[in-house]
């Protein structure tokens, strides 16, 4: 089903809050439904041959939301770290987290570390969760690593190149996304993977994330398969 060169899909899972408000539900119910959809889409991706998914779960800017919403989100995260991701573990999924972990509560960091360790050898699909993540912050962190290498005498400034910077990104062990899908109708990347998405194909869906499903994913992959990727060569 998947195009032969399609290994990695990045998602911006937009629309949880609007989905809840349209139904007169508390915002947290939209986030809960969205979390359930993430699990289903990860399973669907594995079934149709996608090896890597990276999802934008919580940005560094999201910390600026109301304290009540942030607290609900963190509690929901705790719940899914305890139970929701177990289903993916049982499906042989490897689960990684990228972002500013120092901004998260200690118990959440401990749960994240535990899941990463428990799933490290799983091979069906790799789910990379961008949590407390900001693309510009990632580039700053990578730059600091490069500077440290220079200061330590490991490299000279003349040896700094794109490959070296990529090795210092949170996503160093992942291939770059072939396709970025944003749900919810917005058409921007919102500080998400600015380096990694340089040559990715983009697809913007009007569907709110809680309504996104396997059938729409398949339709998008079919549309992607008709595109010619040129990587800036022509």
Protein backbone atom coordinates (compact mmCIF):
# COMPACT_ATOMS: atom_id res chain seq x y z
CA UNK A 1 0.00 0.00 0.00
CA UNK A 2 2.73 2.48 0.88
CA UNK A 3 4.93 4.00 -1.79
CA UNK A 4 8.29 2.21 -1.84
CA UNK A 5 10.27 5.29 -0.78
CA UNK A 6 7.85 6.27 1.98
CA UNK A 7 9.49 5.28 5.25
CA UNK A 8 8.75 8.17 7.60
CA UNK A 9 5.63 10.29 8.14
CA UNK A 10 5.60 13.31 10.45
CA UNK A 11 2.27 14.45 11.86
CA UNK A 12 1.06 17.71 13.32
CA UNK A 13 -2.01 16.47 15.18
CA UNK A 14 -4.11 19.62 15.11
CA UNK A 15 -7.77 20.06 16.00
CA UNK A 16 -8.36 18.40 19.37
CA UNK A 17 -9.66 21.55 21.05
CA UNK A 18 -11.90 22.55 18.14
CA UNK A 19 -13.30 19.01 17.95
CA UNK A 20 -14.29 19.17 21.63
CA UNK A 21 -15.79 22.66 21.39
CA UNK A 22 -17.88 21.70 18.36
CA UNK A 23 -19.44 18.97 20.49
CA UNK A 24 -19.86 21.02 23.64
CA UNK A 25 -17.30 18.87 25.44
CA UNK A 26 -14.47 19.88 27.78
CA UNK A 27 -11.22 20.48 25.92
CA UNK A 28 -9.59 17.58 27.73
CA UNK A 29 -12.04 15.21 26.03
CA UNK A 30 -10.71 16.34 22.67
CA UNK A 31 -7.17 15.61 23.80
CA UNK A 32 -8.24 12.20 25.10
CA UNK A 33 -9.90 11.30 21.81
CA UNK A 34 -6.82 12.56 19.98
CA UNK A 35 -4.56 10.32 22.07
CA UNK A 36 -6.74 7.32 21.20
CA UNK A 37 -6.49 8.18 17.51
CA UNK A 38 -2.70 8.36 17.78
CA UNK A 39 -2.58 4.76 18.98
CA UNK A 40 -4.85 3.64 16.13
CA UNK A 41 -2.88 5.53 13.48
CA UNK A 42 0.40 4.09 14.74
CA UNK A 43 -1.05 0.59 14.41
CA UNK A 44 -2.43 1.40 10.96
CA UNK A 45 0.92 2.77 9.79
CA UNK A 46 2.66 -0.43 10.80
CA UNK A 47 0.02 -2.48 8.96
CA UNK A 48 0.58 -0.62 5.69
CA UNK A 49 4.36 -0.68 5.88
CA UNK A 50 5.40 2.68 7.34
CA UNK A 51 8.49 2.22 9.50
CA UNK A 52 8.68 5.60 11.28
CA UNK A 53 6.13 8.06 12.64
CA UNK A 54 7.00 11.32 14.36
CA UNK A 55 4.12 13.18 16.01
CA UNK A 56 3.91 16.68 17.46
CA UNK A 57 2.26 15.99 20.80
CA UNK A 58 3.11 19.08 22.89
CA UNK A 59 5.19 22.07 21.86
CA UNK A 60 7.32 24.32 24.04
CA UNK A 61 4.79 27.05 23.19
CA UNK A 62 1.97 24.91 24.59
CA UNK A 63 3.31 25.57 28.08
CA UNK A 64 1.77 29.03 27.67
CA UNK A 65 -1.77 27.62 27.62
CA UNK A 66 -3.97 27.95 30.70
CA UNK A 67 -2.60 26.16 33.78
CA UNK A 68 -5.75 24.03 33.96
CA UNK A 69 -5.38 22.78 30.38
CA UNK A 70 -1.68 22.08 30.83
CA UNK A 71 -2.39 20.14 34.02
CA UNK A 72 -5.09 18.09 32.27
CA UNK A 73 -2.71 17.38 29.40
CA UNK A 74 0.07 16.26 31.72
CA UNK A 75 -2.31 13.99 33.63
CA UNK A 76 -3.56 12.54 30.35
CA UNK A 77 0.05 11.98 29.34
CA UNK A 78 0.70 10.14 32.60
CA UNK A 79 -2.29 7.90 31.89
CA UNK A 80 -1.13 7.04 28.39
CA UNK A 81 2.43 6.47 29.50
CA UNK A 82 1.06 3.94 31.99
CA UNK A 83 -1.57 2.26 29.81
CA UNK A 84 -2.14 3.74 26.34
CA UNK A 85 1.29 2.96 24.96
CA UNK A 86 1.17 -0.61 26.30
CA UNK A 87 -0.96 -1.60 23.32
CA UNK A 88 1.72 -0.32 20.95
CA UNK A 89 4.39 -2.12 22.93
CA UNK A 90 2.42 -5.33 22.45
CA UNK A 91 2.43 -4.62 18.71
CA UNK A 92 6.26 -4.54 18.74
CA UNK A 93 6.47 -0.74 18.41
CA UNK A 94 9.57 1.14 19.46
CA UNK A 95 8.70 4.40 21.23
CA UNK A 96 11.01 7.41 21.46
CA UNK A 97 10.52 10.91 22.87
CA UNK A 98 12.23 14.10 21.73
CA UNK A 99 12.09 17.57 23.28
CA UNK A 100 13.02 19.59 26.32
CA UNK A 101 12.67 16.93 29.02
CA UNK A 102 13.90 19.24 31.76
CA UNK A 103 10.60 21.12 31.46
CA UNK A 104 8.60 17.98 32.34
CA UNK A 105 7.79 16.68 35.80
CA UNK A 106 10.25 14.14 37.18
CA UNK A 107 7.69 11.32 37.29
CA UNK A 108 6.83 11.86 33.61
CA UNK A 109 10.52 11.79 32.65
CA UNK A 110 10.92 8.53 34.58
CA UNK A 111 7.96 6.98 32.71
CA UNK A 112 9.39 8.16 29.37
CA UNK A 113 12.79 6.66 30.14
CA UNK A 114 11.16 3.38 31.15
CA UNK A 115 9.14 3.08 27.92
CA UNK A 116 12.17 3.89 25.78
CA UNK A 117 14.21 1.22 27.54
CA UNK A 118 11.44 -1.39 27.36
CA UNK A 119 10.80 -0.87 23.64
CA UNK A 120 14.37 -0.28 22.46
CA UNK A 121 14.61 -3.62 20.66
CA UNK A 122 11.14 -3.52 19.05
CA UNK A 123 11.14 -3.47 15.27
CA UNK A 124 7.61 -3.23 13.81
CA UNK A 125 7.36 0.57 13.74
CA UNK A 126 9.17 3.42 15.48
CA UNK A 127 6.91 6.06 17.04
CA UNK A 128 8.80 9.25 17.89
CA UNK A 129 6.78 11.59 20.13
CA UNK A 130 7.78 15.26 20.08
CA UNK A 131 6.97 16.33 23.62
CA UNK A 132 7.82 19.75 25.05
CA UNK A 133 9.43 20.20 21.66
CA UNK A 134 10.38 23.30 19.67
CA UNK A 135 12.27 23.20 16.39
CA UNK A 136 14.27 26.36 16.99
CA UNK A 137 15.17 25.14 20.46
CA UNK A 138 16.38 21.87 18.92
CA UNK A 139 18.67 23.78 16.55
CA UNK A 140 20.05 25.82 19.44
CA UNK A 141 20.72 22.63 21.42
CA UNK A 142 22.44 21.04 18.41
CA UNK A 143 24.58 24.14 17.91
CA UNK A 144 25.68 24.00 21.55
CA UNK A 145 26.76 20.38 21.06
CA UNK A 146 28.82 21.37 18.02
CA UNK A 147 30.45 24.24 19.92
CA UNK A 148 31.29 21.86 22.74
CA UNK A 149 32.98 19.49 20.29
CA UNK A 150 35.11 22.37 18.99
CA UNK A 151 36.00 23.48 22.52
CA UNK A 152 36.94 19.90 23.43
CA UNK A 153 39.26 19.72 20.44
CA UNK A 154 37.25 16.89 18.85
CA UNK A 155 36.77 18.85 15.62
CA UNK A 156 37.93 22.08 14.02
CA UNK A 157 35.46 24.78 12.89
CA UNK A 158 36.30 23.87 9.28
CA UNK A 159 34.91 20.36 9.87
CA UNK A 160 31.43 21.64 10.75
CA UNK A 161 28.98 20.62 8.04
CA UNK A 162 25.35 19.53 7.60
CA UNK A 163 26.11 15.90 8.47
CA UNK A 164 27.69 16.91 11.77
CA UNK A 165 24.75 19.13 12.74
CA UNK A 166 22.29 16.37 11.85
CA UNK A 167 24.15 14.02 14.18
CA UNK A 168 23.51 16.49 17.01
CA UNK A 169 19.74 16.75 16.45
CA UNK A 170 17.23 14.90 18.63
CA UNK A 171 16.30 12.85 15.56
CA UNK A 172 19.86 11.79 14.68
CA UNK A 173 18.98 8.10 14.49
CA UNK A 174 15.88 8.57 12.33
CA UNK A 175 15.62 9.13 8.56
CA UNK A 176 14.23 12.50 7.54
CA UNK A 177 10.43 12.54 7.08
CA UNK A 178 9.29 11.82 3.54
CA UNK A 179 5.84 13.26 4.19
CA UNK A 180 4.45 15.73 6.72
CA UNK A 181 0.71 15.62 7.37
CA UNK A 182 -1.01 18.40 9.31
CA UNK A 183 -4.65 17.95 10.25
CA UNK A 184 -7.12 20.64 11.26
CA UNK A 185 -6.91 22.87 8.18
CA UNK A 186 -3.98 25.08 9.18
CA UNK A 187 -1.14 25.47 6.67
CA UNK A 188 2.07 26.07 8.60
CA UNK A 189 4.68 23.96 10.39
CA UNK A 190 4.53 25.78 13.75
CA UNK A 191 8.18 25.37 14.78
CA UNK A 192 8.09 21.65 14.01
CA UNK A 193 11.17 19.86 12.64
CA UNK A 194 12.42 22.87 10.60
CA UNK A 195 15.67 21.14 9.61
CA UNK A 196 14.21 17.69 9.04
CA UNK A 197 11.31 18.85 6.85
CA UNK A 198 13.51 20.71 4.35
CA UNK A 199 12.71 18.31 1.49
CA UNK A 200 9.58 16.60 2.81
CA UNK A 201 6.31 16.59 0.91
CA UNK A 202 3.50 18.38 2.77
CA UNK A 203 -0.18 17.46 2.98
CA UNK A 204 -2.69 19.66 4.79
CA UNK A 205 -5.94 17.97 5.77
CA UNK A 206 -9.09 19.79 6.86
CA UNK A 207 -9.99 16.83 9.09
CA UNK A 208 -9.68 17.52 12.81
CA UNK A 209 -7.22 15.08 14.37
CA UNK A 210 -9.82 13.20 16.50
CA UNK A 211 -11.67 12.36 13.25
CA UNK A 212 -8.55 11.26 11.35
CA UNK A 213 -8.49 7.55 10.49
CA UNK A 214 -6.72 4.79 8.58
CA UNK A 215 -8.81 5.35 5.46
CA UNK A 216 -7.73 8.98 5.17
CA UNK A 217 -4.12 8.01 5.82
CA UNK A 218 -4.29 5.56 2.92
CA UNK A 219 -5.81 8.22 0.64
CA UNK A 220 -3.00 10.65 1.52
CA UNK A 221 -0.34 8.00 0.89
CA UNK A 222 -1.90 7.28 -2.49
CA UNK A 223 -1.79 10.99 -3.33
CA UNK A 224 1.84 11.16 -2.15
CA UNK A 225 2.76 8.24 -4.42
CA UNK A 226 1.79 10.36 -7.45
CA UNK A 227 4.22 13.15 -6.57
CA UNK A 228 7.73 13.45 -7.97
CA UNK A 229 10.26 14.34 -5.30
CA UNK A 230 13.10 16.45 -6.71
CA UNK A 231 15.07 17.48 -3.61
CA UNK A 232 15.74 20.89 -5.16
CA UNK A 233 17.50 19.42 -8.20
CA UNK A 234 15.07 20.74 -10.80
